Amino acid sequence: MKFLIPSTLLVLALGLAACTGPAGPQGNTGNTGYTGATGATGNQGNTGDTGQQGNTGNTGYTGATGATGNQGNTGDTGDTGQQGATGDQGKKGNTGAKGSTGYNNSRPTTVIVQPN
């Protein structure tokens, strides 16, 4: 009979497995546990290599010329300068042509002087 017990158990186990019914509805979700403490911050990693410089951008458009500003005030009149030195005298001019001889139209006259 030693051999009957294990084989009986085997048949019994197979019978139970074959008699399993349909699965029941899912149970309610349990309560959420408390959030644990935040862990320590890790060490900062090494700085990476500097990347390549980008290409230069296009030149922007030139803006319109602004309006001409108002003319400023006229400045003060400057001081009168010093009078310059007298220049050298020029050469003596040529003697002019001699005039024609006139005629004498004189008359004899007598002047009387009376004392006061």
PDB file of N, CA and C in Angstrom:
ATOM      1  N   MET A   1       0.772  -1.191   0.000  1.00  0.00           N
ATOM      2  CA  MET A   1       0.000   0.000   0.000  1.00  0.00           C
ATOM      3  C   MET A   1       0.819   1.264   0.000  1.00  0.00           C
ATOM      4  N   LYS A   2       2.022   1.126   0.122  1.00  0.00           N
ATOM      5  CA  LYS A   2       2.851   2.311   0.087  1.00  0.00           C
ATOM      6  C   LYS A   2       2.756   2.983  -1.259  1.00  0.00           C
ATOM      7  N   PHE A   3       2.560   2.212  -2.275  1.00  0.00           N
ATOM      8  CA  PHE A   3       2.492   2.769  -3.602  1.00  0.00           C
ATOM      9  C   PHE A   3       1.143   3.382  -3.925  1.00  0.00           C
ATOM     10  N   LEU A   4       0.106   3.052  -3.164  1.00  0.00           N
ATOM     11  CA  LEU A   4      -1.221   3.553  -3.450  1.00  0.00           C
ATOM     12  C   LEU A   4      -1.399   4.981  -2.940  1.00  0.00           C
ATOM     13  N   ILE A   5      -0.770   5.326  -1.935  1.00  0.00           N
ATOM     14  CA  ILE A   5      -0.968   6.658  -1.370  1.00  0.00           C
ATOM     15  C   ILE A   5      -0.408   7.719  -2.311  1.00  0.00           C
ATOM     16  N   PRO A   6       0.793   7.571  -2.794  1.00  0.00           N
ATOM     17  CA  PRO A   6       1.246   8.628  -3.684  1.00  0.00           C
ATOM     18  C   PRO A   6       0.454   8.680  -4.971  1.00  0.00           C
ATOM     19  N   SER A   7       0.052   7.595  -5.531  1.00  0.00           N
ATOM     20  CA  SER A   7      -0.715   7.647  -6.758  1.00  0.00           C
ATOM     21  C   SER A   7      -2.104   8.190  -6.494  1.00  0.00           C
ATOM     22  N   THR A   8      -2.647   7.954  -5.315  1.00  0.00           N
ATOM     23  CA  THR A   8      -3.948   8.491  -4.969  1.00  0.00           C
ATOM     24  C   THR A   8      -3.839  10.003  -4.844  1.00  0.00           C
ATOM     25  N   LEU A   9      -2.775  10.457  -4.281  1.00  0.00           N
ATOM     26  CA  LEU A   9      -2.567  11.896  -4.163  1.00  0.00           C
ATOM     27  C   LEU A   9      -2.413  12.533  -5.530  1.00  0.00           C
ATOM     28  N   LEU A  10      -1.765  11.828  -6.432  1.00  0.00           N
ATOM     29  CA  LEU A  10      -1.595  12.347  -7.772  1.00  0.00           C
ATOM     30  C   LEU A  10      -2.932  12.464  -8.471  1.00  0.00           C
ATOM     31  N   VAL A  11      -3.787  11.512  -8.349  1.00  0.00           N
ATOM     32  CA  VAL A  11      -5.096  11.526  -8.976  1.00  0.00           C
ATOM     33  C   VAL A  11      -5.953  12.611  -8.339  1.00  0.00           C
ATOM     34  N   LEU A  12      -5.858  12.747  -7.035  1.00  0.00           N
ATOM     35  CA  LEU A  12      -6.625  13.757  -6.345  1.00  0.00           C
ATOM     36  C   LEU A  12      -6.189  15.149  -6.775  1.00  0.00           C
ATOM     37  N   ALA A  13      -4.880  15.388  -6.903  1.00  0.00           N
ATOM     38  CA  ALA A  13      -4.365  16.700  -7.335  1.00  0.00           C
ATOM     39  C   ALA A  13      -4.789  17.002  -8.757  1.00  0.00           C
ATOM     40  N   LEU A  14      -4.787  16.026  -9.647  1.00  0.00           N
ATOM     41  CA  LEU A  14      -5.213  16.242 -11.015  1.00  0.00           C
ATOM     42  C   LEU A  14      -6.699  16.536 -11.079  1.00  0.00           C
ATOM     43  N   GLY A  15      -7.451  15.928 -10.218  1.00  0.00           N
ATOM     44  CA  GLY A  15      -8.887  16.157 -10.201  1.00  0.00           C
ATOM     45  C   GLY A  15      -9.208  17.550  -9.717  1.00  0.00           C
ATOM     46  N   LEU A  16      -8.486  18.029  -8.768  1.00  0.00           N
ATOM     47  CA  LEU A  16      -8.722  19.377  -8.269  1.00  0.00           C
ATOM     48  C   LEU A  16      -8.349  20.423  -9.320  1.00  0.00           C
ATOM     49  N   ALA A  17      -7.290  20.183 -10.044  1.00  0.00           N
ATOM     50  CA  ALA A  17      -6.873  21.132 -11.069  1.00  0.00           C
ATOM     51  C   ALA A  17      -7.892  21.163 -12.192  1.00  0.00           C
ATOM     52  N   ALA A  18      -8.498  20.061 -12.495  1.00  0.00           N
ATOM     53  CA  ALA A  18      -9.462  20.016 -13.579  1.00  0.00           C
ATOM     54  C   ALA A  18     -10.791  20.618 -13.166  1.00  0.00           C
ATOM     55  N   CYS A  19     -11.056  20.774 -11.891  1.00  0.00           N
ATOM     56  CA  CYS A  19     -12.337  21.269 -11.419  1.00  0.00           C
ATOM     57  C   CYS A  19     -12.293  22.746 -11.066  1.00  0.00           C
ATOM     58  N   THR A  20     -11.375  23.466 -11.547  1.00  0.00           N
ATOM     59  CA  THR A  20     -11.284  24.886 -11.224  1.00  0.00           C
ATOM     60  C   THR A  20     -12.400  25.622 -11.932  1.00  0.00           C
ATOM     61  N   GLY A  21     -13.112  26.510 -11.202  1.00  0.00           N
ATOM     62  CA  GLY A  21     -14.223  27.253 -11.772  1.00  0.00           C
ATOM     63  C   GLY A  21     -13.742  28.541 -12.439  1.00  0.00           C
ATOM     64  N   PRO A  22     -14.694  29.382 -12.953  1.00  0.00           N
ATOM     65  CA  PRO A  22     -14.313  30.641 -13.592  1.00  0.00           C
ATOM     66  C   PRO A  22     -13.732  31.618 -12.576  1.00  0.00           C
ATOM     67  N   ALA A  23     -12.892  32.532 -13.047  1.00  0.00           N
ATOM     68  CA  ALA A  23     -12.249  33.505 -12.161  1.00  0.00           C
ATOM     69  C   ALA A  23     -13.299  34.486 -11.652  1.00  0.00           C
ATOM     70  N   GLY A  24     -13.159  34.887 -10.412  1.00  0.00           N
ATOM     71  CA  GLY A  24     -14.076  35.856  -9.811  1.00  0.00           C
ATOM     72  C   GLY A  24     -13.720  37.289 -10.215  1.00  0.00           C
ATOM     73  N   PRO A  25     -14.574  38.267  -9.836  1.00  0.00           N
ATOM     74  CA  PRO A  25     -14.292  39.660 -10.177  1.00  0.00           C
ATOM     75  C   PRO A  25     -13.040  40.157  -9.447  1.00  0.00           C
ATOM     76  N   GLN A  26     -12.394  41.183 -10.051  1.00  0.00           N
ATOM     77  CA  GLN A  26     -11.170  41.716  -9.457  1.00  0.00           C
ATOM     78  C   GLN A  26     -11.531  42.493  -8.203  1.00  0.00           C
ATOM     79  N   GLY A  27     -10.715  42.367  -7.186  1.00  0.00           N
ATOM     80  CA  GLY A  27     -10.959  43.073  -5.933  1.00  0.00           C
ATOM     81  C   GLY A  27     -10.601  44.558  -6.059  1.00  0.00           C
ATOM     82  N   ASN A  28     -11.013  45.337  -5.053  1.00  0.00           N
ATOM     83  CA  ASN A  28     -10.709  46.772  -5.022  1.00  0.00           C
ATOM     84  C   ASN A  28      -9.217  46.999  -4.824  1.00  0.00           C
ATOM     85  N   THR A  29      -8.714  48.117  -5.398  1.00  0.00           N
ATOM     86  CA  THR A  29      -7.299  48.474  -5.245  1.00  0.00           C
ATOM     87  C   THR A  29      -7.075  48.946  -3.818  1.00  0.00           C
ATOM     88  N   GLY A  30      -5.999  48.532  -3.239  1.00  0.00           N
ATOM     89  CA  GLY A  30      -5.690  48.922  -1.855  1.00  0.00           C
ATOM     90  C   GLY A  30      -5.240  50.381  -1.784  1.00  0.00           C
ATOM     91  N   ASN A  31      -5.144  50.889  -0.538  1.00  0.00           N
ATOM     92  CA  ASN A  31      -4.720  52.280  -0.315  1.00  0.00           C
ATOM     93  C   ASN A  31      -3.267  52.471  -0.757  1.00  0.00           C
ATOM     94  N   THR A  32      -2.972  53.716  -1.251  1.00  0.00           N
ATOM     95  CA  THR A  32      -1.611  54.043  -1.646  1.00  0.00           C
ATOM     96  C   THR A  32      -0.799  54.348  -0.403  1.00  0.00           C
ATOM     97  N   GLY A  33       0.413  53.888  -0.365  1.00  0.00           N
ATOM     98  CA  GLY A  33       1.280  54.140   0.799  1.00  0.00           C
ATOM     99  C   GLY A  33       1.818  55.567   0.789  1.00  0.00           C
ATOM    100  N   TYR A  34       2.441  55.961   1.890  1.00  0.00           N
ATOM    101  CA  TYR A  34       3.027  57.300   2.010  1.00  0.00           C
ATOM    102  C   TYR A  34       4.267  57.411   1.124  1.00  0.00           C
ATOM    103  N   THR A  35       4.498  58.669   0.600  1.00  0.00           N
ATOM    104  CA  THR A  35       5.674  58.913  -0.215  1.00  0.00           C
ATOM    105  C   THR A  35       6.884  58.979   0.691  1.00  0.00           C
ATOM    106  N   GLY A  36       7.921  58.325   0.324  1.00  0.00           N
ATOM    107  CA  GLY A  36       9.142  58.320   1.135  1.00  0.00           C
ATOM    108  C   GLY A  36       9.897  59.631   1.000  1.00  0.00           C
ATOM    109  N   ALA A  37      10.887  59.837   1.866  1.00  0.00           N
ATOM    110  CA  ALA A  37      11.708  61.059   1.847  1.00  0.00           C
ATOM    111  C   ALA A  37      12.528  61.112   0.562  1.00  0.00           C
ATOM    112  N   THR A  38      12.808  62.354   0.094  1.00  0.00           N
ATOM    113  CA  THR A  38      13.615  62.531  -1.106  1.00  0.00           C
ATOM    114  C   THR A  38      15.049  62.130  -0.803  1.00  0.00           C
ATOM    115  N   GLY A  39      15.646  61.439  -1.720  1.00  0.00           N
ATOM    116  CA  GLY A  39      17.022  61.005  -1.528  1.00  0.00           C
ATOM    117  C   GLY A  39      18.006  62.149  -1.734  1.00  0.00           C
ATOM    118  N   ALA A  40      19.230  61.943  -1.327  1.00  0.00           N
ATOM    119  CA  ALA A  40      20.278  62.967  -1.455  1.00  0.00           C
ATOM    120  C   ALA A  40      20.579  63.231  -2.929  1.00  0.00           C
ATOM    121  N   THR A  41      20.993  64.489  -3.233  1.00  0.00           N
ATOM    122  CA  THR A  41      21.352  64.853  -4.591  1.00  0.00           C
ATOM    123  C   THR A  41      22.729  64.299  -4.901  1.00  0.00           C
ATOM    124  N   GLY A  42      22.882  63.755  -6.083  1.00  0.00           N
ATOM    125  CA  GLY A  42      24.166  63.199  -6.472  1.00  0.00           C
ATOM    126  C   GLY A  42      25.169  64.280  -6.861  1.00  0.00           C
ATOM    127  N   ASN A  43      26.418  63.907  -6.995  1.00  0.00           N
ATOM    128  CA  ASN A  43      27.468  64.850  -7.392  1.00  0.00           C
ATOM    129  C   ASN A  43      27.257  65.310  -8.832  1.00  0.00           C
ATOM    130  N   GLN A  44      27.655  66.573  -9.107  1.00  0.00           N
ATOM    131  CA  GLN A  44      27.521  67.100 -10.460  1.00  0.00           C
ATOM    132  C   GLN A  44      28.554  66.440 -11.357  1.00  0.00           C
ATOM    133  N   GLY A  45      28.131  66.120 -12.544  1.00  0.00           N
ATOM    134  CA  GLY A  45      29.031  65.495 -13.509  1.00  0.00           C
ATOM    135  C   GLY A  45      30.001  66.492 -14.114  1.00  0.00           C
ATOM    136  N   ASN A  46      30.967  66.007 -14.832  1.00  0.00           N
ATOM    137  CA  ASN A  46      31.975  66.858 -15.484  1.00  0.00           C
ATOM    138  C   ASN A  46      31.332  67.700 -16.582  1.00  0.00           C
ATOM    139  N   THR A  47      31.884  68.898 -16.799  1.00  0.00           N
ATOM    140  CA  THR A  47      31.398  69.776 -17.858  1.00  0.00           C
ATOM    141  C   THR A  47      31.843  69.209 -19.198  1.00  0.00           C
ATOM    142  N   GLY A  48      30.933  69.200 -20.146  1.00  0.00           N
ATOM    143  CA  GLY A  48      31.251  68.683 -21.468  1.00  0.00           C
ATOM    144  C   GLY A  48      32.105  69.654 -22.276  1.00  0.00           C
ATOM    145  N   ASP A  49      32.611  69.187 -23.390  1.00  0.00           N
ATOM    146  CA  ASP A  49      33.432  70.023 -24.270  1.00  0.00           C
ATOM    147  C   ASP A  49      32.569  71.119 -24.895  1.00  0.00           C
ATOM    148  N   THR A  50      33.210  72.265 -25.230  1.00  0.00           N
ATOM    149  CA  THR A  50      32.514  73.365 -25.891  1.00  0.00           C
ATOM    150  C   THR A  50      32.266  72.979 -27.343  1.00  0.00           C
ATOM    151  N   GLY A  51      31.064  73.242 -27.816  1.00  0.00           N
ATOM    152  CA  GLY A  51      30.715  72.907 -29.199  1.00  0.00           C
ATOM    153  C   GLY A  51      31.340  73.882 -30.187  1.00  0.00           C
ATOM    154  N   GLN A  52      31.228  73.566 -31.458  1.00  0.00           N
ATOM    155  CA  GLN A  52      31.775  74.426 -32.506  1.00  0.00           C
ATOM    156  C   GLN A  52      30.968  75.706 -32.612  1.00  0.00           C
ATOM    157  N   GLN A  53      31.645  76.773 -33.010  1.00  0.00           N
ATOM    158  CA  GLN A  53      30.961  78.052 -33.202  1.00  0.00           C
ATOM    159  C   GLN A  53      30.092  77.966 -34.447  1.00  0.00           C
ATOM    160  N   GLY A  54      28.902  78.544 -34.351  1.00  0.00           N
ATOM    161  CA  GLY A  54      27.990  78.530 -35.491  1.00  0.00           C
ATOM    162  C   GLY A  54      28.421  79.507 -36.575  1.00  0.00           C
ATOM    163  N   ASN A  55      27.792  79.392 -37.733  1.00  0.00           N
ATOM    164  CA  ASN A  55      28.100  80.282 -38.861  1.00  0.00           C
ATOM    165  C   ASN A  55      27.591  81.690 -38.572  1.00  0.00           C
ATOM    166  N   THR A  56      28.263  82.670 -39.149  1.00  0.00           N
ATOM    167  CA  THR A  56      27.840  84.061 -39.010  1.00  0.00           C
ATOM    168  C   THR A  56      26.542  84.268 -39.772  1.00  0.00           C
ATOM    169  N   GLY A  57      25.624  85.008 -39.171  1.00  0.00           N
ATOM    170  CA  GLY A  57      24.335  85.272 -39.818  1.00  0.00           C
ATOM    171  C   GLY A  57      24.474  86.303 -40.930  1.00  0.00           C
ATOM    172  N   ASN A  58      23.433  86.433 -41.728  1.00  0.00           N
ATOM    173  CA  ASN A  58      23.411  87.412 -42.821  1.00  0.00           C
ATOM    174  C   ASN A  58      23.327  88.820 -42.254  1.00  0.00           C
ATOM    175  N   THR A  59      23.908  89.774 -42.974  1.00  0.00           N
ATOM    176  CA  THR A  59      23.846  91.181 -42.569  1.00  0.00           C
ATOM    177  C   THR A  59      22.428  91.684 -42.743  1.00  0.00           C
ATOM    178  N   GLY A  60      21.956  92.442 -41.769  1.00  0.00           N
ATOM    179  CA  GLY A  60      20.596  92.977 -41.829  1.00  0.00           C
ATOM    180  C   GLY A  60      20.499  94.129 -42.823  1.00  0.00           C
ATOM    181  N   TYR A  61      19.276  94.545 -43.098  1.00  0.00           N
ATOM    182  CA  TYR A  61      19.034  95.640 -44.036  1.00  0.00           C
ATOM    183  C   TYR A  61      19.436  96.963 -43.402  1.00  0.00           C
ATOM    184  N   THR A  62      19.853  97.922 -44.238  1.00  0.00           N
ATOM    185  CA  THR A  62      20.184  99.268 -43.770  1.00  0.00           C
ATOM    186  C   THR A  62      18.894 100.052 -43.650  1.00  0.00           C
ATOM    187  N   GLY A  63      18.731 100.732 -42.541  1.00  0.00           N
ATOM    188  CA  GLY A  63      17.518 101.504 -42.307  1.00  0.00           C
ATOM    189  C   GLY A  63      17.485 102.765 -43.164  1.00  0.00           C
ATOM    190  N   ALA A  64      16.313 103.394 -43.199  1.00  0.00           N
ATOM    191  CA  ALA A  64      16.128 104.622 -43.985  1.00  0.00           C
ATOM    192  C   ALA A  64      16.895 105.771 -43.327  1.00  0.00           C
ATOM    193  N   THR A  65      17.330 106.735 -44.146  1.00  0.00           N
ATOM    194  CA  THR A  65      18.030 107.904 -43.634  1.00  0.00           C
ATOM    195  C   THR A  65      17.042 108.789 -42.891  1.00  0.00           C
ATOM    196  N   GLY A  66      17.447 109.273 -41.748  1.00  0.00           N
ATOM    197  CA  GLY A  66      16.570 110.116 -40.949  1.00  0.00           C
ATOM    198  C   GLY A  66      16.419 111.505 -41.554  1.00  0.00           C
ATOM    199  N   ALA A  67      15.433 112.247 -41.053  1.00  0.00           N
ATOM    200  CA  ALA A  67      15.164 113.607 -41.539  1.00  0.00           C
ATOM    201  C   ALA A  67      16.305 114.531 -41.128  1.00  0.00           C
ATOM    202  N   THR A  68      16.552 115.571 -41.936  1.00  0.00           N
ATOM    203  CA  THR A  68      17.597 116.545 -41.636  1.00  0.00           C
ATOM    204  C   THR A  68      17.178 117.345 -40.417  1.00  0.00           C
ATOM    205  N   GLY A  69      18.103 117.558 -39.519  1.00  0.00           N
ATOM    206  CA  GLY A  69      17.807 118.309 -38.301  1.00  0.00           C
ATOM    207  C   GLY A  69      17.724 119.812 -38.578  1.00  0.00           C
ATOM    208  N   ASN A  70      17.219 120.566 -37.588  1.00  0.00           N
ATOM    209  CA  ASN A  70      17.110 122.020 -37.716  1.00  0.00           C
ATOM    210  C   ASN A  70      18.493 122.655 -37.688  1.00  0.00           C
ATOM    211  N   GLN A  71      18.624 123.808 -38.386  1.00  0.00           N
ATOM    212  CA  GLN A  71      19.897 124.508 -38.405  1.00  0.00           C
ATOM    213  C   GLN A  71      20.114 125.154 -37.052  1.00  0.00           C
ATOM    214  N   GLY A  72      21.327 125.100 -36.577  1.00  0.00           N
ATOM    215  CA  GLY A  72      21.655 125.678 -35.283  1.00  0.00           C
ATOM    216  C   GLY A  72      21.702 127.204 -35.339  1.00  0.00           C
ATOM    217  N   ASN A  73      21.785 127.837 -34.174  1.00  0.00           N
ATOM    218  CA  ASN A  73      21.848 129.300 -34.083  1.00  0.00           C
ATOM    219  C   ASN A  73      23.171 129.815 -34.641  1.00  0.00           C
ATOM    220  N   THR A  74      23.144 131.065 -35.144  1.00  0.00           N
ATOM    221  CA  THR A  74      24.358 131.692 -35.663  1.00  0.00           C
ATOM    222  C   THR A  74      25.240 132.090 -34.492  1.00  0.00           C
ATOM    223  N   GLY A  75      26.501 131.871 -34.628  1.00  0.00           N
ATOM    224  CA  GLY A  75      27.438 132.202 -33.555  1.00  0.00           C
ATOM    225  C   GLY A  75      27.680 133.701 -33.460  1.00  0.00           C
ATOM    226  N   ASP A  76      28.320 134.122 -32.354  1.00  0.00           N
ATOM    227  CA  ASP A  76      28.632 135.538 -32.141  1.00  0.00           C
ATOM    228  C   ASP A  76      29.641 136.023 -33.183  1.00  0.00           C
ATOM    229  N   THR A  77      29.566 137.354 -33.500  1.00  0.00           N
ATOM    230  CA  THR A  77      30.502 137.955 -34.439  1.00  0.00           C
ATOM    231  C   THR A  77      31.863 138.057 -33.767  1.00  0.00           C
ATOM    232  N   GLY A  78      32.875 137.755 -34.495  1.00  0.00           N
ATOM    233  CA  GLY A  78      34.227 137.816 -33.932  1.00  0.00           C
ATOM    234  C   GLY A  78      34.715 139.246 -33.766  1.00  0.00           C
ATOM    235  N   ASP A  79      35.793 139.433 -33.004  1.00  0.00           N
ATOM    236  CA  ASP A  79      36.390 140.759 -32.793  1.00  0.00           C
ATOM    237  C   ASP A  79      37.000 141.269 -34.099  1.00  0.00           C
ATOM    238  N   THR A  80      37.040 142.647 -34.244  1.00  0.00           N
ATOM    239  CA  THR A  80      37.655 143.261 -35.420  1.00  0.00           C
ATOM    240  C   THR A  80      39.159 143.085 -35.318  1.00  0.00           C
ATOM    241  N   GLY A  81      39.780 142.718 -36.398  1.00  0.00           N
ATOM    242  CA  GLY A  81      41.224 142.500 -36.391  1.00  0.00           C
ATOM    243  C   GLY A  81      42.002 143.815 -36.362  1.00  0.00           C
ATOM    244  N   GLN A  82      43.304 143.730 -36.113  1.00  0.00           N
ATOM    245  CA  GLN A  82      44.164 144.917 -36.069  1.00  0.00           C
ATOM    246  C   GLN A  82      44.337 145.483 -37.476  1.00  0.00           C
ATOM    247  N   GLN A  83      44.506 146.830 -37.520  1.00  0.00           N
ATOM    248  CA  GLN A  83      44.721 147.460 -38.813  1.00  0.00           C
ATOM    249  C   GLN A  83      46.125 147.128 -39.274  1.00  0.00           C
ATOM    250  N   GLY A  84      46.255 146.847 -40.539  1.00  0.00           N
ATOM    251  CA  GLY A  84      47.559 146.501 -41.089  1.00  0.00           C
ATOM    252  C   GLY A  84      48.465 147.723 -41.234  1.00  0.00           C
ATOM    253  N   ALA A  85      49.742 147.459 -41.389  1.00  0.00           N
ATOM    254  CA  ALA A  85      50.726 148.543 -41.556  1.00  0.00           C
ATOM    255  C   ALA A  85      50.524 149.229 -42.910  1.00  0.00           C
ATOM    256  N   THR A  86      50.914 150.535 -42.988  1.00  0.00           N
ATOM    257  CA  THR A  86      50.803 151.284 -44.235  1.00  0.00           C
ATOM    258  C   THR A  86      51.793 150.713 -45.235  1.00  0.00           C
ATOM    259  N   GLY A  87      51.345 150.558 -46.447  1.00  0.00           N
ATOM    260  CA  GLY A  87      52.208 149.988 -47.472  1.00  0.00           C
ATOM    261  C   GLY A  87      53.229 151.007 -47.992  1.00  0.00           C
ATOM    262  N   ASP A  88      54.180 150.542 -48.751  1.00  0.00           N
ATOM    263  CA  ASP A  88      55.205 151.423 -49.339  1.00  0.00           C
ATOM    264  C   ASP A  88      54.563 152.369 -50.353  1.00  0.00           C
ATOM    265  N   GLN A  89      55.173 153.594 -50.493  1.00  0.00           N
ATOM    266  CA  GLN A  89      54.664 154.574 -51.446  1.00  0.00           C
ATOM    267  C   GLN A  89      55.129 154.169 -52.844  1.00  0.00           C
ATOM    268  N   GLY A  90      54.269 154.353 -53.809  1.00  0.00           N
ATOM    269  CA  GLY A  90      54.598 153.992 -55.180  1.00  0.00           C
ATOM    270  C   GLY A  90      55.582 154.980 -55.819  1.00  0.00           C
ATOM    271  N   LYS A  91      56.074 154.648 -56.992  1.00  0.00           N
ATOM    272  CA  LYS A  91      57.017 155.510 -57.733  1.00  0.00           C
ATOM    273  C   LYS A  91      56.325 156.800 -58.158  1.00  0.00           C
ATOM    274  N   LYS A  92      57.149 157.838 -58.329  1.00  0.00           N
ATOM    275  CA  LYS A  92      56.630 159.122 -58.801  1.00  0.00           C
ATOM    276  C   LYS A  92      56.195 158.946 -60.245  1.00  0.00           C
ATOM    277  N   GLY A  93      55.030 159.508 -60.559  1.00  0.00           N
ATOM    278  CA  GLY A  93      54.492 159.387 -61.905  1.00  0.00           C
ATOM    279  C   GLY A  93      55.228 160.298 -62.888  1.00  0.00           C
ATOM    280  N   ASN A  94      55.007 160.089 -64.157  1.00  0.00           N
ATOM    281  CA  ASN A  94      55.603 160.922 -65.212  1.00  0.00           C
ATOM    282  C   ASN A  94      54.979 162.320 -65.195  1.00  0.00           C
ATOM    283  N   THR A  95      55.763 163.278 -65.623  1.00  0.00           N
ATOM    284  CA  THR A  95      55.262 164.654 -65.721  1.00  0.00           C
ATOM    285  C   THR A  95      54.273 164.732 -66.862  1.00  0.00           C
ATOM    286  N   GLY A  96      53.181 165.455 -66.623  1.00  0.00           N
ATOM    287  CA  GLY A  96      52.138 165.568 -67.627  1.00  0.00           C
ATOM    288  C   GLY A  96      52.573 166.482 -68.779  1.00  0.00           C
ATOM    289  N   ALA A  97      51.795 166.465 -69.833  1.00  0.00           N
ATOM    290  CA  ALA A  97      52.093 167.311 -71.015  1.00  0.00           C
ATOM    291  C   ALA A  97      51.884 168.775 -70.666  1.00  0.00           C
ATOM    292  N   LYS A  98      52.632 169.657 -71.266  1.00  0.00           N
ATOM    293  CA  LYS A  98      52.539 171.101 -71.003  1.00  0.00           C
ATOM    294  C   LYS A  98      51.319 171.649 -71.712  1.00  0.00           C
ATOM    295  N   GLY A  99      50.586 172.525 -70.993  1.00  0.00           N
ATOM    296  CA  GLY A  99      49.381 173.117 -71.543  1.00  0.00           C
ATOM    297  C   GLY A  99      49.716 174.248 -72.548  1.00  0.00           C
ATOM    298  N   SER A 100      48.719 174.658 -73.288  1.00  0.00           N
ATOM    299  CA  SER A 100      48.943 175.728 -74.287  1.00  0.00           C
ATOM    300  C   SER A 100      49.082 177.074 -73.579  1.00  0.00           C
ATOM    301  N   THR A 101      49.744 177.978 -74.197  1.00  0.00           N
ATOM    302  CA  THR A 101      49.961 179.308 -73.634  1.00  0.00           C
ATOM    303  C   THR A 101      48.707 180.119 -73.827  1.00  0.00           C
ATOM    304  N   GLY A 102      48.245 180.769 -72.747  1.00  0.00           N
ATOM    305  CA  GLY A 102      47.052 181.595 -72.828  1.00  0.00           C
ATOM    306  C   GLY A 102      47.413 183.018 -73.265  1.00  0.00           C
ATOM    307  N   TYR A 103      46.444 183.868 -73.515  1.00  0.00           N
ATOM    308  CA  TYR A 103      46.770 185.253 -73.879  1.00  0.00           C
ATOM    309  C   TYR A 103      46.474 186.123 -72.688  1.00  0.00           C
ATOM    310  N   ASN A 104      47.115 187.288 -72.585  1.00  0.00           N
ATOM    311  CA  ASN A 104      47.012 188.181 -71.441  1.00  0.00           C
ATOM    312  C   ASN A 104      45.895 189.159 -71.693  1.00  0.00           C
ATOM    313  N   ASN A 105      44.883 189.152 -70.875  1.00  0.00           N
ATOM    314  CA  ASN A 105      43.743 190.033 -71.024  1.00  0.00           C
ATOM    315  C   ASN A 105      43.666 190.932 -69.793  1.00  0.00           C
ATOM    316  N   SER A 106      44.766 191.408 -69.331  1.00  0.00           N
ATOM    317  CA  SER A 106      44.762 192.207 -68.111  1.00  0.00           C
ATOM    318  C   SER A 106      44.721 193.681 -68.470  1.00  0.00           C
ATOM    319  N   ARG A 107      44.233 194.499 -67.532  1.00  0.00           N
ATOM    320  CA  ARG A 107      44.149 195.945 -67.727  1.00  0.00           C
ATOM    321  C   ARG A 107      44.902 196.607 -66.608  1.00  0.00           C
ATOM    322  N   PRO A 108      45.397 197.760 -66.876  1.00  0.00           N
ATOM    323  CA  PRO A 108      46.064 198.463 -65.781  1.00  0.00           C
ATOM    324  C   PRO A 108      45.027 198.918 -64.775  1.00  0.00           C
ATOM    325  N   THR A 109      45.342 198.674 -63.452  1.00  0.00           N
ATOM    326  CA  THR A 109      44.413 199.027 -62.382  1.00  0.00           C
ATOM    327  C   THR A 109      45.170 199.775 -61.316  1.00  0.00           C
ATOM    328  N   THR A 110      44.486 200.733 -60.703  1.00  0.00           N
ATOM    329  CA  THR A 110      45.097 201.513 -59.622  1.00  0.00           C
ATOM    330  C   THR A 110      44.276 201.217 -58.381  1.00  0.00           C
ATOM    331  N   VAL A 111      44.954 200.877 -57.282  1.00  0.00           N
ATOM    332  CA  VAL A 111      44.273 200.608 -56.016  1.00  0.00           C
ATOM    333  C   VAL A 111      44.653 201.693 -55.067  1.00  0.00           C
ATOM    334  N   ILE A 112      43.680 202.315 -54.401  1.00  0.00           N
ATOM    335  CA  ILE A 112      43.916 203.383 -53.421  1.00  0.00           C
ATOM    336  C   ILE A 112      43.587 202.783 -52.070  1.00  0.00           C
ATOM    337  N   VAL A 113      44.527 202.939 -51.127  1.00  0.00           N
ATOM    338  CA  VAL A 113      44.342 202.441 -49.769  1.00  0.00           C
ATOM    339  C   VAL A 113      44.145 203.644 -48.898  1.00  0.00           C
ATOM    340  N   GLN A 114      43.079 203.741 -48.165  1.00  0.00           N
ATOM    341  CA  GLN A 114      42.798 204.854 -47.247  1.00  0.00           C
ATOM    342  C   GLN A 114      42.914 204.363 -45.821  1.00  0.00           C
ATOM    343  N   PRO A 115      43.537 205.232 -45.012  1.00  0.00           N
ATOM    344  CA  PRO A 115      43.653 204.857 -43.592  1.00  0.00           C
ATOM    345  C   PRO A 115      42.301 205.049 -42.899  1.00  0.00           C
ATOM    346  N   ASN A 116      42.087 204.352 -41.863  1.00  0.00           N
ATOM    347  CA  ASN A 116      40.853 204.487 -41.081  1.00  0.00           C
ATOM    348  C   ASN A 116      40.881 205.624 -40.172  1.00  0.00           C
TER     349      ASN A 116
END
